[in-house]
Amino acid sequence: MDQLIHIITSGILIGIFISAPMGPVGMLVIQRTLNKGRFPALFTGIGAAVSDLTYALLTGFGMSFVTDLVTRNQLLLQILGSLVLIAFAFYLFRKNPAGSLKKPDRGPDNYWKDFLTGFLFTFANPLILFFIVGLFARFNFILPELRYFHYILGYAGIFGGALLWWWLITFFVNKVRAHFNVRSMWILNRCIALVLCIMALVGLYNGISGYLS
């Protein structure tokens, strides 16, 4: 019983800590909560949670192989991820938020798009593997005495912890959504686009300089 409590609690905490850093996906979830409402943002967070779980599974089942693979291609992956982020920042900067406030009907296809962007934005940052390795070590997540059902519950805990984080973020941000008008949305869109672009340019510079050196 103690091992079950340990693995579930550790999984939930790891899921929260993986999701908590306010990177590009966090900015995107906040922007979508304010512009489109809570559910599109929540589906974006679910996509990010699935990506985090994928990396956690890769780390747990093939830690040395995956780490070596990412290390060998780290700079290339960083450059490609930064270029994708720059393209999205440009799109967001030019986007007119007036249509977002009309709350158009959103079908399954639109929610799948929200999910997919959340997944791809998170998956485009494979350096999270090193963060996960550190968390696994900190919480003693990989132990020889644990059985397969322990890990099933542990990885479910990671996914649940990530979902809990995005549920809380969208809940609190949605509470202040009513205080934003079209101009506020326009300013927010451009501010978030600039922040994303700066993040991407820093990543692109580090990737190219490292690749050339």
C-alpha atoms as a PDB file:
ATOM      1  CA  MET A   1       0.000   0.000   0.000  1.00  0.00           C
ATOM      2  CA  ASP A   2       2.840   2.396   0.812  1.00  0.00           C
ATOM      3  CA  GLN A   3       4.346   1.762  -2.622  1.00  0.00           C
ATOM      4  CA  LEU A   4       1.011   2.463  -4.308  1.00  0.00           C
ATOM      5  CA  ILE A   5       0.603   5.740  -2.428  1.00  0.00           C
ATOM      6  CA  HIS A   6       4.197   6.688  -3.252  1.00  0.00           C
ATOM      7  CA  ILE A   7       3.934   5.995  -6.986  1.00  0.00           C
ATOM      8  CA  ILE A   8       0.544   7.705  -7.403  1.00  0.00           C
ATOM      9  CA  THR A   9       1.542  10.769  -5.372  1.00  0.00           C
ATOM     10  CA  SER A  10       4.880  11.003  -7.178  1.00  0.00           C
ATOM     11  CA  GLY A  11       3.131  10.687 -10.547  1.00  0.00           C
ATOM     12  CA  ILE A  12       0.686  13.504  -9.778  1.00  0.00           C
ATOM     13  CA  LEU A  13       3.480  15.790  -8.566  1.00  0.00           C
ATOM     14  CA  ILE A  14       5.644  15.004 -11.601  1.00  0.00           C
ATOM     15  CA  GLY A  15       2.701  15.771 -13.914  1.00  0.00           C
ATOM     16  CA  ILE A  16       2.134  19.131 -12.215  1.00  0.00           C
ATOM     17  CA  PHE A  17       5.827  20.073 -12.236  1.00  0.00           C
ATOM     18  CA  ILE A  18       6.199  19.154 -15.913  1.00  0.00           C
ATOM     19  CA  SER A  19       3.248  21.368 -16.879  1.00  0.00           C
ATOM     20  CA  ALA A  20       3.813  24.270 -14.469  1.00  0.00           C
ATOM     21  CA  PRO A  21       6.674  26.167 -16.213  1.00  0.00           C
ATOM     22  CA  MET A  22       5.007  28.977 -18.160  1.00  0.00           C
ATOM     23  CA  GLY A  23       6.453  28.299 -21.595  1.00  0.00           C
ATOM     24  CA  PRO A  24       4.858  28.625 -25.050  1.00  0.00           C
ATOM     25  CA  VAL A  25       2.058  26.147 -24.315  1.00  0.00           C
ATOM     26  CA  GLY A  26       1.136  27.943 -21.089  1.00  0.00           C
ATOM     27  CA  MET A  27       0.963  31.244 -22.953  1.00  0.00           C
ATOM     28  CA  LEU A  28      -1.162  29.611 -25.653  1.00  0.00           C
ATOM     29  CA  VAL A  29      -3.588  28.146 -23.088  1.00  0.00           C
ATOM     30  CA  ILE A  30      -4.035  31.556 -21.430  1.00  0.00           C
ATOM     31  CA  GLN A  31      -4.559  33.241 -24.797  1.00  0.00           C
ATOM     32  CA  ARG A  32      -7.142  30.688 -25.886  1.00  0.00           C
ATOM     33  CA  THR A  33      -8.973  30.836 -22.559  1.00  0.00           C
ATOM     34  CA  LEU A  34      -9.406  34.589 -22.927  1.00  0.00           C
ATOM     35  CA  ASN A  35     -10.064  34.617 -26.681  1.00  0.00           C
ATOM     36  CA  LYS A  36     -12.077  31.448 -27.259  1.00  0.00           C
ATOM     37  CA  GLY A  37     -13.272  30.262 -23.873  1.00  0.00           C
ATOM     38  CA  ARG A  38     -12.300  27.565 -21.435  1.00  0.00           C
ATOM     39  CA  PHE A  39     -12.935  24.380 -23.401  1.00  0.00           C
ATOM     40  CA  PRO A  40     -10.703  25.179 -26.419  1.00  0.00           C
ATOM     41  CA  ALA A  41      -7.937  26.065 -23.960  1.00  0.00           C
ATOM     42  CA  LEU A  42      -8.572  22.924 -21.916  1.00  0.00           C
ATOM     43  CA  PHE A  43      -8.295  20.742 -25.023  1.00  0.00           C
ATOM     44  CA  THR A  44      -5.003  22.502 -25.777  1.00  0.00           C
ATOM     45  CA  GLY A  45      -3.857  21.580 -22.264  1.00  0.00           C
ATOM     46  CA  ILE A  46      -5.006  17.980 -22.773  1.00  0.00           C
ATOM     47  CA  GLY A  47      -2.856  17.814 -25.905  1.00  0.00           C
ATOM     48  CA  ALA A  48       0.110  19.101 -23.908  1.00  0.00           C
ATOM     49  CA  ALA A  49      -0.601  16.526 -21.176  1.00  0.00           C
ATOM     50  CA  VAL A  50      -0.609  13.677 -23.724  1.00  0.00           C
ATOM     51  CA  SER A  51       2.721  14.927 -25.076  1.00  0.00           C
ATOM     52  CA  ASP A  52       4.173  15.088 -21.545  1.00  0.00           C
ATOM     53  CA  LEU A  53       2.934  11.550 -20.879  1.00  0.00           C
ATOM     54  CA  THR A  54       4.528  10.359 -24.132  1.00  0.00           C
ATOM     55  CA  TYR A  55       7.885  11.783 -23.119  1.00  0.00           C
ATOM     56  CA  ALA A  56       7.512  10.331 -19.615  1.00  0.00           C
ATOM     57  CA  LEU A  57       6.849   6.881 -21.113  1.00  0.00           C
ATOM     58  CA  LEU A  58       9.839   7.211 -23.440  1.00  0.00           C
ATOM     59  CA  THR A  59      11.984   8.246 -20.505  1.00  0.00           C
ATOM     60  CA  GLY A  60      10.820   5.384 -18.323  1.00  0.00           C
ATOM     61  CA  PHE A  61      11.097   2.612 -20.900  1.00  0.00           C
ATOM     62  CA  GLY A  62      14.147   3.718 -22.831  1.00  0.00           C
ATOM     63  CA  MET A  63      15.895   6.364 -20.797  1.00  0.00           C
ATOM     64  CA  SER A  64      19.444   5.921 -22.102  1.00  0.00           C
ATOM     65  CA  PHE A  65      18.440   5.394 -25.739  1.00  0.00           C
ATOM     66  CA  VAL A  66      16.058   8.351 -25.870  1.00  0.00           C
ATOM     67  CA  THR A  67      18.444  10.641 -24.013  1.00  0.00           C
ATOM     68  CA  ASP A  68      21.265   9.787 -26.432  1.00  0.00           C
ATOM     69  CA  LEU A  69      18.976  10.332 -29.415  1.00  0.00           C
ATOM     70  CA  VAL A  70      17.875  13.763 -28.187  1.00  0.00           C
ATOM     71  CA  THR A  71      21.441  14.727 -27.290  1.00  0.00           C
ATOM     72  CA  ARG A  72      22.654  13.904 -30.804  1.00  0.00           C
ATOM     73  CA  ASN A  73      19.848  15.913 -32.450  1.00  0.00           C
ATOM     74  CA  GLN A  74      19.309  18.546 -29.779  1.00  0.00           C
ATOM     75  CA  LEU A  75      20.382  21.566 -31.838  1.00  0.00           C
ATOM     76  CA  LEU A  76      18.432  20.529 -34.951  1.00  0.00           C
ATOM     77  CA  LEU A  77      15.274  19.914 -32.910  1.00  0.00           C
ATOM     78  CA  GLN A  78      15.717  23.247 -31.165  1.00  0.00           C
ATOM     79  CA  ILE A  79      16.021  25.082 -34.500  1.00  0.00           C
ATOM     80  CA  LEU A  80      12.953  23.376 -36.006  1.00  0.00           C
ATOM     81  CA  GLY A  81      10.855  23.972 -32.885  1.00  0.00           C
ATOM     82  CA  SER A  82      11.867  27.644 -32.815  1.00  0.00           C
ATOM     83  CA  LEU A  83      10.897  28.133 -36.477  1.00  0.00           C
ATOM     84  CA  VAL A  84       7.450  26.640 -35.836  1.00  0.00           C
ATOM     85  CA  LEU A  85       7.035  28.926 -32.830  1.00  0.00           C
ATOM     86  CA  ILE A  86       8.023  32.016 -34.840  1.00  0.00           C
ATOM     87  CA  ALA A  87       5.436  31.148 -37.511  1.00  0.00           C
ATOM     88  CA  PHE A  88       2.696  30.811 -34.894  1.00  0.00           C
ATOM     89  CA  ALA A  89       3.747  34.068 -33.174  1.00  0.00           C
ATOM     90  CA  PHE A  90       3.466  35.875 -36.535  1.00  0.00           C
ATOM     91  CA  TYR A  91      -0.015  34.399 -37.055  1.00  0.00           C
ATOM     92  CA  LEU A  92      -1.093  35.403 -33.549  1.00  0.00           C
ATOM     93  CA  PHE A  93       0.285  38.945 -33.950  1.00  0.00           C
ATOM     94  CA  ARG A  94      -1.815  39.505 -37.087  1.00  0.00           C
ATOM     95  CA  LYS A  95      -4.949  37.782 -35.761  1.00  0.00           C
ATOM     96  CA  ASN A  96      -8.044  39.928 -35.273  1.00  0.00           C
ATOM     97  CA  PRO A  97      -9.543  39.034 -31.873  1.00  0.00           C
ATOM     98  CA  ALA A  98     -12.971  40.547 -32.637  1.00  0.00           C
ATOM     99  CA  GLY A  99     -14.245  37.323 -34.153  1.00  0.00           C
ATOM    100  CA  SER A 100     -13.114  35.328 -31.136  1.00  0.00           C
ATOM    101  CA  LEU A 101     -15.470  37.202 -28.831  1.00  0.00           C
ATOM    102  CA  LYS A 102     -18.497  36.088 -30.848  1.00  0.00           C
ATOM    103  CA  LYS A 103     -18.102  32.554 -29.467  1.00  0.00           C
ATOM    104  CA  PRO A 104     -18.790  30.616 -32.686  1.00  0.00           C
ATOM    105  CA  ASP A 105     -20.066  27.074 -32.442  1.00  0.00           C
ATOM    106  CA  ARG A 106     -17.188  24.697 -31.977  1.00  0.00           C
ATOM    107  CA  GLY A 107     -17.505  21.137 -33.185  1.00  0.00           C
ATOM    108  CA  PRO A 108     -15.281  18.119 -32.613  1.00  0.00           C
ATOM    109  CA  ASP A 109     -12.990  19.116 -35.513  1.00  0.00           C
ATOM    110  CA  ASN A 110     -12.105  22.418 -33.836  1.00  0.00           C
ATOM    111  CA  TYR A 111     -11.438  20.758 -30.495  1.00  0.00           C
ATOM    112  CA  TRP A 112      -9.175  18.261 -32.243  1.00  0.00           C
ATOM    113  CA  LYS A 113      -7.227  21.193 -33.728  1.00  0.00           C
ATOM    114  CA  ASP A 114      -6.853  22.694 -30.253  1.00  0.00           C
ATOM    115  CA  PHE A 115      -5.684  19.329 -28.946  1.00  0.00           C
ATOM    116  CA  LEU A 116      -3.239  18.873 -31.821  1.00  0.00           C
ATOM    117  CA  THR A 117      -1.614  22.290 -31.444  1.00  0.00           C
ATOM    118  CA  GLY A 118      -1.156  21.708 -27.705  1.00  0.00           C
ATOM    119  CA  PHE A 119       0.409  18.318 -28.400  1.00  0.00           C
ATOM    120  CA  LEU A 120       2.730  19.543 -31.165  1.00  0.00           C
ATOM    121  CA  PHE A 121       3.871  22.664 -29.279  1.00  0.00           C
ATOM    122  CA  THR A 122       4.853  20.513 -26.311  1.00  0.00           C
ATOM    123  CA  PHE A 123       6.319  17.691 -28.387  1.00  0.00           C
ATOM    124  CA  ALA A 124       8.468  20.210 -30.295  1.00  0.00           C
ATOM    125  CA  ASN A 125      10.501  20.708 -27.110  1.00  0.00           C
ATOM    126  CA  PRO A 126      12.260  17.352 -26.557  1.00  0.00           C
ATOM    127  CA  LEU A 127      14.603  18.958 -24.021  1.00  0.00           C
ATOM    128  CA  ILE A 128      11.798  18.321 -21.528  1.00  0.00           C
ATOM    129  CA  LEU A 129      13.202  14.783 -21.386  1.00  0.00           C
ATOM    130  CA  PHE A 130      16.080  16.001 -19.229  1.00  0.00           C
ATOM    131  CA  PHE A 131      13.613  17.704 -16.893  1.00  0.00           C
ATOM    132  CA  ILE A 132      11.623  14.470 -16.630  1.00  0.00           C
ATOM    133  CA  VAL A 133      14.795  12.477 -15.896  1.00  0.00           C
ATOM    134  CA  GLY A 134      15.537  14.874 -13.040  1.00  0.00           C
ATOM    135  CA  LEU A 135      11.993  14.585 -11.670  1.00  0.00           C
ATOM    136  CA  PHE A 136      12.075  10.786 -11.897  1.00  0.00           C
ATOM    137  CA  ALA A 137      15.305  10.801  -9.905  1.00  0.00           C
ATOM    138  CA  ARG A 138      14.009  13.318  -7.370  1.00  0.00           C
ATOM    139  CA  PHE A 139      10.826  11.368  -6.628  1.00  0.00           C
ATOM    140  CA  ASN A 140      12.388   7.882  -6.944  1.00  0.00           C
ATOM    141  CA  PHE A 141       9.872   7.052  -9.653  1.00  0.00           C
ATOM    142  CA  ILE A 142      11.942   4.243 -11.182  1.00  0.00           C
ATOM    143  CA  LEU A 143      12.621   1.576  -8.554  1.00  0.00           C
ATOM    144  CA  PRO A 144      13.515  -2.097  -9.119  1.00  0.00           C
ATOM    145  CA  GLU A 145      10.995  -3.373  -6.570  1.00  0.00           C
ATOM    146  CA  LEU A 146       8.006  -1.749  -8.278  1.00  0.00           C
ATOM    147  CA  ARG A 147       5.747  -3.944 -10.425  1.00  0.00           C
ATOM    148  CA  TYR A 148       4.053  -3.159 -13.735  1.00  0.00           C
ATOM    149  CA  PHE A 149       0.731  -2.203 -12.084  1.00  0.00           C
ATOM    150  CA  HIS A 150       2.582   0.341  -9.948  1.00  0.00           C
ATOM    151  CA  TYR A 151       3.825   2.030 -13.101  1.00  0.00           C
ATOM    152  CA  ILE A 152       0.396   1.950 -14.738  1.00  0.00           C
ATOM    153  CA  LEU A 153      -0.944   3.903 -11.762  1.00  0.00           C
ATOM    154  CA  GLY A 154       2.151   6.113 -11.688  1.00  0.00           C
ATOM    155  CA  TYR A 155       1.875   7.147 -15.332  1.00  0.00           C
ATOM    156  CA  ALA A 156      -1.873   7.659 -14.873  1.00  0.00           C
ATOM    157  CA  GLY A 157      -0.906   9.956 -12.009  1.00  0.00           C
ATOM    158  CA  ILE A 158       1.442  11.929 -14.288  1.00  0.00           C
ATOM    159  CA  PHE A 159      -1.347  12.414 -16.813  1.00  0.00           C
ATOM    160  CA  GLY A 160      -3.810  13.293 -14.055  1.00  0.00           C
ATOM    161  CA  GLY A 161      -1.419  15.805 -12.499  1.00  0.00           C
ATOM    162  CA  ALA A 162      -0.897  17.532 -15.855  1.00  0.00           C
ATOM    163  CA  LEU A 163      -4.666  17.638 -16.473  1.00  0.00           C
ATOM    164  CA  LEU A 164      -5.217  19.049 -12.975  1.00  0.00           C
ATOM    165  CA  TRP A 165      -2.763  21.867 -13.679  1.00  0.00           C
ATOM    166  CA  TRP A 166      -4.419  22.859 -16.964  1.00  0.00           C
ATOM    167  CA  TRP A 167      -7.886  22.591 -15.390  1.00  0.00           C
ATOM    168  CA  LEU A 168      -6.839  25.019 -12.652  1.00  0.00           C
ATOM    169  CA  ILE A 169      -5.183  27.438 -15.089  1.00  0.00           C
ATOM    170  CA  THR A 170      -8.203  27.577 -17.414  1.00  0.00           C
ATOM    171  CA  PHE A 171     -10.564  27.869 -14.431  1.00  0.00           C
ATOM    172  CA  PHE A 172      -8.841  30.900 -12.925  1.00  0.00           C
ATOM    173  CA  VAL A 173      -8.103  32.645 -16.228  1.00  0.00           C
ATOM    174  CA  ASN A 174     -11.708  32.113 -17.366  1.00  0.00           C
ATOM    175  CA  LYS A 175     -12.881  33.953 -14.247  1.00  0.00           C
ATOM    176  CA  VAL A 176     -11.269  37.191 -15.474  1.00  0.00           C
ATOM    177  CA  ARG A 177     -12.290  36.694 -19.112  1.00  0.00           C
ATOM    178  CA  ALA A 178     -15.362  38.924 -18.755  1.00  0.00           C
ATOM    179  CA  HIS A 179     -13.124  41.916 -17.967  1.00  0.00           C
ATOM    180  CA  PHE A 180     -11.506  41.849 -21.428  1.00  0.00           C
ATOM    181  CA  ASN A 181     -12.886  43.762 -24.420  1.00  0.00           C
ATOM    182  CA  VAL A 182     -11.794  43.667 -28.073  1.00  0.00           C
ATOM    183  CA  ARG A 183      -8.957  46.146 -27.528  1.00  0.00           C
ATOM    184  CA  SER A 184      -7.735  44.214 -24.496  1.00  0.00           C
ATOM    185  CA  MET A 185      -7.750  41.014 -26.562  1.00  0.00           C
ATOM    186  CA  TRP A 186      -5.842  42.759 -29.347  1.00  0.00           C
ATOM    187  CA  ILE A 187      -3.182  43.997 -26.923  1.00  0.00           C
ATOM    188  CA  LEU A 188      -2.976  40.598 -25.222  1.00  0.00           C
ATOM    189  CA  ASN A 189      -2.615  38.782 -28.540  1.00  0.00           C
ATOM    190  CA  ARG A 190       0.275  40.998 -29.567  1.00  0.00           C
ATOM    191  CA  CYS A 191       1.995  40.856 -26.187  1.00  0.00           C
ATOM    192  CA  ILE A 192       1.822  37.050 -26.114  1.00  0.00           C
ATOM    193  CA  ALA A 193       2.959  36.899 -29.755  1.00  0.00           C
ATOM    194  CA  LEU A 194       5.991  39.063 -28.909  1.00  0.00           C
ATOM    195  CA  VAL A 195       6.855  36.918 -25.875  1.00  0.00           C
ATOM    196  CA  LEU A 196       6.579  33.743 -27.968  1.00  0.00           C
ATOM    197  CA  CYS A 197       8.702  35.308 -30.697  1.00  0.00           C
ATOM    198  CA  ILE A 198      11.409  36.323 -28.215  1.00  0.00           C
ATOM    199  CA  MET A 199      11.444  32.784 -26.783  1.00  0.00           C
ATOM    200  CA  ALA A 200      11.703  31.367 -30.292  1.00  0.00           C
ATOM    201  CA  LEU A 201      14.452  33.780 -31.410  1.00  0.00           C
ATOM    202  CA  VAL A 202      16.537  32.967 -28.333  1.00  0.00           C
ATOM    203  CA  GLY A 203      16.105  29.255 -29.027  1.00  0.00           C
ATOM    204  CA  LEU A 204      16.903  29.752 -32.722  1.00  0.00           C
ATOM    205  CA  TYR A 205      20.051  31.778 -31.915  1.00  0.00           C
ATOM    206  CA  ASN A 206      21.273  29.192 -29.405  1.00  0.00           C
ATOM    207  CA  GLY A 207      20.560  26.369 -31.830  1.00  0.00           C
ATOM    208  CA  ILE A 208      22.301  27.973 -34.824  1.00  0.00           C
ATOM    209  CA  SER A 209      25.300  29.231 -32.811  1.00  0.00           C
ATOM    210  CA  GLY A 210      25.727  25.792 -31.239  1.00  0.00           C
ATOM    211  CA  TYR A 211      25.374  24.109 -34.625  1.00  0.00           C
ATOM    212  CA  LEU A 212      28.023  26.339 -36.205  1.00  0.00           C
ATOM    213  CA  SER A 213      30.501  26.120 -33.341  1.00  0.00           C
END
